[in-house]
N, C-alpha and C. Protein backbone atom coordinates (compact mmCIF):
# COMPACT_ATOMS: atom_id res chain seq x y z
N MET A 1 0.85 -1.18 0.00
CA MET A 1 0.00 0.00 0.00
C MET A 1 0.89 1.23 0.00
N SER A 2 0.45 2.30 -0.66
CA SER A 2 1.24 3.52 -0.70
C SER A 2 1.31 4.17 0.68
N ALA A 3 2.30 5.02 0.86
CA ALA A 3 2.54 5.67 2.14
C ALA A 3 1.39 6.61 2.51
N PRO A 4 1.17 6.84 3.81
CA PRO A 4 0.12 7.77 4.23
C PRO A 4 0.35 9.16 3.63
N GLY A 5 -0.72 9.78 3.21
CA GLY A 5 -0.61 11.11 2.61
C GLY A 5 -0.27 11.06 1.13
N ARG A 6 0.06 9.87 0.63
CA ARG A 6 0.33 9.70 -0.80
C ARG A 6 -0.57 8.58 -1.32
N ARG A 7 -1.01 8.77 -2.52
CA ARG A 7 -1.78 7.70 -3.16
C ARG A 7 -1.22 7.50 -4.56
N ILE A 8 -1.51 6.38 -5.13
CA ILE A 8 -1.03 6.07 -6.47
C ILE A 8 -2.14 6.40 -7.45
N ILE A 9 -1.78 7.13 -8.50
CA ILE A 9 -2.74 7.47 -9.54
C ILE A 9 -2.12 7.18 -10.90
N ARG A 10 -2.96 7.10 -11.91
CA ARG A 10 -2.50 6.92 -13.28
C ARG A 10 -1.76 8.18 -13.73
N CYS A 11 -0.67 7.99 -14.41
CA CYS A 11 0.12 9.13 -14.89
C CYS A 11 -0.70 9.96 -15.88
N ALA A 12 -0.80 11.23 -15.63
CA ALA A 12 -1.59 12.12 -16.49
C ALA A 12 -0.89 12.36 -17.83
N SER A 13 0.40 12.20 -17.86
CA SER A 13 1.15 12.46 -19.09
C SER A 13 0.97 11.35 -20.13
N CYS A 14 1.06 10.10 -19.70
CA CYS A 14 0.99 8.97 -20.64
C CYS A 14 -0.30 8.15 -20.48
N ASP A 15 -1.16 8.56 -19.58
CA ASP A 15 -2.44 7.89 -19.31
C ASP A 15 -2.27 6.43 -18.92
N GLY A 16 -1.18 6.13 -18.22
CA GLY A 16 -0.98 4.78 -17.71
C GLY A 16 -0.20 3.85 -18.61
N PHE A 17 0.10 4.28 -19.83
CA PHE A 17 0.84 3.40 -20.74
C PHE A 17 2.31 3.28 -20.34
N GLY A 18 2.90 4.35 -19.82
CA GLY A 18 4.30 4.31 -19.41
C GLY A 18 5.28 4.67 -20.51
N TRP A 19 4.78 4.87 -21.70
CA TRP A 19 5.66 5.18 -22.82
C TRP A 19 4.88 5.95 -23.89
N PHE A 20 5.62 6.49 -24.82
CA PHE A 20 5.04 7.19 -25.97
C PHE A 20 5.58 6.58 -27.25
N GLU A 21 4.76 6.58 -28.29
CA GLU A 21 5.20 6.09 -29.59
C GLU A 21 5.06 7.22 -30.60
N ASP A 22 6.13 7.46 -31.34
CA ASP A 22 6.11 8.48 -32.38
C ASP A 22 5.23 7.98 -33.52
N ASP A 23 4.23 8.75 -33.91
CA ASP A 23 3.29 8.34 -34.95
C ASP A 23 3.95 8.14 -36.31
N PHE A 24 5.04 8.83 -36.55
CA PHE A 24 5.68 8.76 -37.87
C PHE A 24 6.79 7.72 -37.94
N SER A 25 7.64 7.68 -36.93
CA SER A 25 8.79 6.76 -36.98
C SER A 25 8.51 5.43 -36.29
N GLY A 26 7.52 5.40 -35.40
CA GLY A 26 7.23 4.18 -34.66
C GLY A 26 8.15 3.98 -33.46
N GLU A 27 9.09 4.89 -33.26
CA GLU A 27 10.01 4.78 -32.12
C GLU A 27 9.25 5.03 -30.82
N THR A 28 9.69 4.34 -29.77
CA THR A 28 9.06 4.51 -28.46
C THR A 28 10.08 4.98 -27.46
N GLU A 29 9.57 5.66 -26.43
CA GLU A 29 10.42 6.06 -25.31
C GLU A 29 9.57 6.12 -24.05
N ASP A 30 10.23 5.86 -22.92
CA ASP A 30 9.53 5.89 -21.65
C ASP A 30 9.04 7.29 -21.33
N CYS A 31 7.93 7.37 -20.64
CA CYS A 31 7.38 8.64 -20.18
C CYS A 31 8.32 9.23 -19.13
N ASP A 32 8.68 10.48 -19.28
CA ASP A 32 9.56 11.15 -18.33
C ASP A 32 8.87 11.40 -16.99
N TRP A 33 7.57 11.57 -17.01
CA TRP A 33 6.85 11.95 -15.81
C TRP A 33 6.76 10.79 -14.81
N CYS A 34 6.47 9.59 -15.30
CA CYS A 34 6.31 8.43 -14.41
C CYS A 34 7.50 7.47 -14.49
N ALA A 35 8.49 7.80 -15.27
CA ALA A 35 9.68 6.95 -15.45
C ALA A 35 9.32 5.59 -16.03
N GLY A 36 8.27 5.54 -16.83
CA GLY A 36 7.90 4.31 -17.51
C GLY A 36 6.98 3.39 -16.74
N ALA A 37 6.58 3.76 -15.53
CA ALA A 37 5.73 2.89 -14.72
C ALA A 37 4.25 2.99 -15.09
N GLY A 38 3.83 4.15 -15.60
CA GLY A 38 2.42 4.35 -15.91
C GLY A 38 1.63 4.92 -14.74
N TYR A 39 2.23 4.91 -13.56
CA TYR A 39 1.57 5.41 -12.35
C TYR A 39 2.55 6.26 -11.56
N VAL A 40 2.02 7.19 -10.79
CA VAL A 40 2.83 8.10 -9.99
C VAL A 40 2.24 8.21 -8.59
N TYR A 41 3.06 8.71 -7.67
CA TYR A 41 2.55 9.08 -6.35
C TYR A 41 1.94 10.47 -6.45
N ARG A 42 0.82 10.68 -5.76
CA ARG A 42 0.25 12.03 -5.61
C ARG A 42 0.19 12.31 -4.12
N ASP A 43 0.80 13.43 -3.72
CA ASP A 43 0.81 13.76 -2.29
C ASP A 43 -0.40 14.60 -1.92
N GLY A 44 -0.50 14.98 -0.66
CA GLY A 44 -1.64 15.74 -0.15
C GLY A 44 -1.80 17.11 -0.78
N ASP A 45 -0.72 17.65 -1.33
CA ASP A 45 -0.77 18.95 -2.01
C ASP A 45 -1.02 18.80 -3.51
N ARG A 46 -1.40 17.59 -3.93
CA ARG A 46 -1.71 17.28 -5.33
C ARG A 46 -0.48 17.38 -6.25
N ARG A 47 0.69 17.14 -5.68
CA ARG A 47 1.91 17.10 -6.49
C ARG A 47 2.20 15.66 -6.85
N ASP A 48 2.53 15.43 -8.09
CA ASP A 48 2.85 14.09 -8.56
C ASP A 48 4.36 13.88 -8.60
N SER A 49 4.79 12.66 -8.31
CA SER A 49 6.20 12.31 -8.40
C SER A 49 6.32 10.86 -8.82
N PRO A 50 7.39 10.52 -9.54
CA PRO A 50 7.56 9.13 -9.97
C PRO A 50 7.67 8.19 -8.77
N ILE A 51 7.24 6.98 -8.94
CA ILE A 51 7.37 5.97 -7.89
C ILE A 51 8.79 5.42 -7.97
N PRO A 52 9.55 5.50 -6.87
CA PRO A 52 10.91 4.97 -6.89
C PRO A 52 10.91 3.45 -7.14
N VAL A 53 11.88 2.99 -7.89
CA VAL A 53 12.00 1.56 -8.19
C VAL A 53 12.02 0.73 -6.91
N ALA A 54 12.62 1.25 -5.85
CA ALA A 54 12.70 0.52 -4.57
C ALA A 54 11.32 0.26 -3.98
N ASP A 55 10.31 1.02 -4.36
CA ASP A 55 8.95 0.85 -3.83
C ASP A 55 8.13 -0.19 -4.61
N TYR A 56 8.58 -0.59 -5.78
CA TYR A 56 7.78 -1.46 -6.64
C TYR A 56 7.38 -2.77 -5.95
N ALA A 57 8.28 -3.41 -5.26
CA ALA A 57 7.97 -4.70 -4.64
C ALA A 57 6.83 -4.58 -3.63
N SER A 58 6.85 -3.54 -2.83
CA SER A 58 5.80 -3.38 -1.82
C SER A 58 4.48 -2.91 -2.42
N LEU A 59 4.52 -2.37 -3.62
CA LEU A 59 3.32 -1.84 -4.28
C LEU A 59 2.80 -2.75 -5.40
N ALA A 60 3.45 -3.88 -5.59
CA ALA A 60 3.13 -4.74 -6.75
C ALA A 60 1.65 -5.08 -6.85
N ASP A 61 1.03 -5.48 -5.77
CA ASP A 61 -0.39 -5.86 -5.82
C ASP A 61 -1.27 -4.68 -6.18
N GLU A 62 -0.98 -3.53 -5.61
CA GLU A 62 -1.78 -2.34 -5.89
C GLU A 62 -1.60 -1.88 -7.34
N LEU A 63 -0.35 -1.90 -7.82
CA LEU A 63 -0.09 -1.51 -9.21
C LEU A 63 -0.76 -2.49 -10.19
N GLU A 64 -0.72 -3.77 -9.86
CA GLU A 64 -1.36 -4.78 -10.71
C GLU A 64 -2.87 -4.57 -10.77
N ARG A 65 -3.47 -4.26 -9.62
CA ARG A 65 -4.92 -3.99 -9.58
C ARG A 65 -5.28 -2.77 -10.42
N LEU A 66 -4.48 -1.70 -10.29
CA LEU A 66 -4.74 -0.49 -11.07
C LEU A 66 -4.58 -0.74 -12.57
N GLU A 67 -3.59 -1.54 -12.93
CA GLU A 67 -3.38 -1.84 -14.34
C GLU A 67 -4.51 -2.69 -14.91
N LEU A 68 -4.99 -3.65 -14.15
CA LEU A 68 -6.12 -4.45 -14.60
C LEU A 68 -7.36 -3.58 -14.78
N GLU A 69 -7.57 -2.64 -13.87
CA GLU A 69 -8.69 -1.70 -13.98
C GLU A 69 -8.57 -0.86 -15.25
N ARG A 70 -7.36 -0.40 -15.55
CA ARG A 70 -7.13 0.41 -16.77
C ARG A 70 -7.39 -0.42 -18.02
N LEU A 71 -6.93 -1.65 -18.03
CA LEU A 71 -7.15 -2.52 -19.19
C LEU A 71 -8.63 -2.81 -19.39
N ARG A 72 -9.35 -3.01 -18.32
CA ARG A 72 -10.80 -3.26 -18.43
C ARG A 72 -11.53 -2.04 -18.99
N GLU A 73 -11.07 -0.84 -18.61
CA GLU A 73 -11.66 0.39 -19.16
C GLU A 73 -11.47 0.45 -20.67
N MET A 74 -10.40 -0.15 -21.17
CA MET A 74 -10.12 -0.15 -22.60
C MET A 74 -10.80 -1.30 -23.32
N GLY A 75 -11.51 -2.16 -22.57
CA GLY A 75 -12.26 -3.24 -23.19
C GLY A 75 -11.66 -4.62 -23.04
N TYR A 76 -10.55 -4.74 -22.32
CA TYR A 76 -9.95 -6.05 -22.10
C TYR A 76 -10.90 -6.91 -21.29
N GLN A 77 -11.12 -8.13 -21.73
CA GLN A 77 -12.09 -9.01 -21.08
C GLN A 77 -11.45 -10.09 -20.22
N GLY A 78 -10.14 -10.16 -20.18
CA GLY A 78 -9.50 -11.13 -19.31
C GLY A 78 -8.88 -12.30 -20.01
N SER A 79 -9.10 -12.45 -21.29
CA SER A 79 -8.46 -13.55 -22.01
C SER A 79 -8.26 -13.14 -23.47
N ALA A 80 -7.22 -13.70 -24.04
CA ALA A 80 -6.91 -13.40 -25.44
C ALA A 80 -7.77 -14.26 -26.35
N LYS A 81 -8.13 -13.72 -27.49
CA LYS A 81 -8.86 -14.48 -28.50
C LYS A 81 -7.87 -14.88 -29.59
N LYS A 82 -8.07 -16.06 -30.11
CA LYS A 82 -7.27 -16.49 -31.26
C LYS A 82 -7.58 -15.55 -32.42
N PRO A 83 -6.60 -15.28 -33.29
CA PRO A 83 -6.84 -14.34 -34.39
C PRO A 83 -8.07 -14.67 -35.22
N TRP A 84 -8.33 -15.95 -35.48
CA TRP A 84 -9.48 -16.31 -36.30
C TRP A 84 -10.81 -16.15 -35.58
N ARG A 85 -10.75 -15.81 -34.29
CA ARG A 85 -11.98 -15.55 -33.53
C ARG A 85 -12.20 -14.05 -33.30
N GLN A 86 -11.30 -13.23 -33.82
CA GLN A 86 -11.41 -11.78 -33.67
C GLN A 86 -12.21 -11.20 -34.84
N ALA A 87 -13.25 -10.46 -34.51
CA ALA A 87 -14.12 -9.91 -35.55
C ALA A 87 -13.36 -9.05 -36.55
N ILE A 88 -12.36 -8.33 -36.08
CA ILE A 88 -11.63 -7.42 -36.96
C ILE A 88 -10.84 -8.18 -38.04
N ARG A 89 -10.53 -9.45 -37.81
CA ARG A 89 -9.74 -10.24 -38.76
C ARG A 89 -10.61 -11.09 -39.69
N LYS A 90 -11.91 -11.00 -39.57
CA LYS A 90 -12.81 -11.78 -40.41
C LYS A 90 -12.53 -11.47 -41.88
N ASP A 91 -12.52 -12.48 -42.70
CA ASP A 91 -12.28 -12.37 -44.14
C ASP A 91 -10.87 -11.90 -44.48
N THR A 92 -9.92 -12.12 -43.58
CA THR A 92 -8.52 -11.82 -43.88
C THR A 92 -7.72 -13.12 -43.74
N HIS A 93 -6.48 -13.09 -44.17
CA HIS A 93 -5.61 -14.26 -44.06
C HIS A 93 -5.48 -14.70 -42.60
N LEU A 94 -5.33 -13.75 -41.68
CA LEU A 94 -5.19 -14.09 -40.27
C LEU A 94 -6.51 -14.52 -39.64
N GLY A 95 -7.59 -14.28 -40.31
CA GLY A 95 -8.90 -14.68 -39.80
C GLY A 95 -9.24 -16.13 -40.12
N ARG A 96 -8.32 -16.82 -40.76
CA ARG A 96 -8.53 -18.22 -41.13
C ARG A 96 -7.93 -19.12 -40.06
N ASN A 97 -8.67 -20.10 -39.61
CA ASN A 97 -8.19 -21.04 -38.60
C ASN A 97 -7.17 -21.97 -39.25
N PRO A 98 -5.91 -21.92 -38.82
CA PRO A 98 -4.87 -22.74 -39.46
C PRO A 98 -5.01 -24.23 -39.13
N TYR A 99 -5.85 -24.58 -38.19
CA TYR A 99 -6.01 -25.97 -37.79
C TYR A 99 -7.11 -26.70 -38.58
N LEU A 100 -7.85 -25.95 -39.38
CA LEU A 100 -8.88 -26.55 -40.21
C LEU A 100 -8.32 -26.83 -41.60
N ASP A 101 -8.86 -27.81 -42.26
CA ASP A 101 -8.49 -28.04 -43.65
C ASP A 101 -9.00 -26.88 -44.47
N GLU A 102 -8.38 -26.65 -45.61
CA GLU A 102 -8.77 -25.56 -46.50
C GLU A 102 -10.26 -25.57 -46.81
N ASP A 103 -10.84 -26.78 -46.96
CA ASP A 103 -12.24 -26.88 -47.31
C ASP A 103 -13.18 -26.51 -46.16
N GLU A 104 -12.69 -26.61 -44.92
CA GLU A 104 -13.54 -26.35 -43.75
C GLU A 104 -13.53 -24.91 -43.29
N SER A 105 -12.58 -24.10 -43.73
CA SER A 105 -12.48 -22.72 -43.22
C SER A 105 -13.54 -21.88 -43.86
């Protein structure tokens, strides 16, 4: 659990992703604000600061819970779907079940 007077919140700069991707080059880099964690400490005066690496072990359960909550907000349902079961891949090469014979797909 975070220290009294401080709570853990999603990083406002990267919205919990922990990194940024350049739209043109595809290069990524860690968020400077949260140091790549996706979450920061917020103190009683509403000041945010990166979570020190030394605190990660004691905060692991809380950070995992917050990350699962963030993923669920984005639509994550808790399990991965095989590509051929994903609606977006229907009628594409990846939307074909490789375990079926050509005649059955």
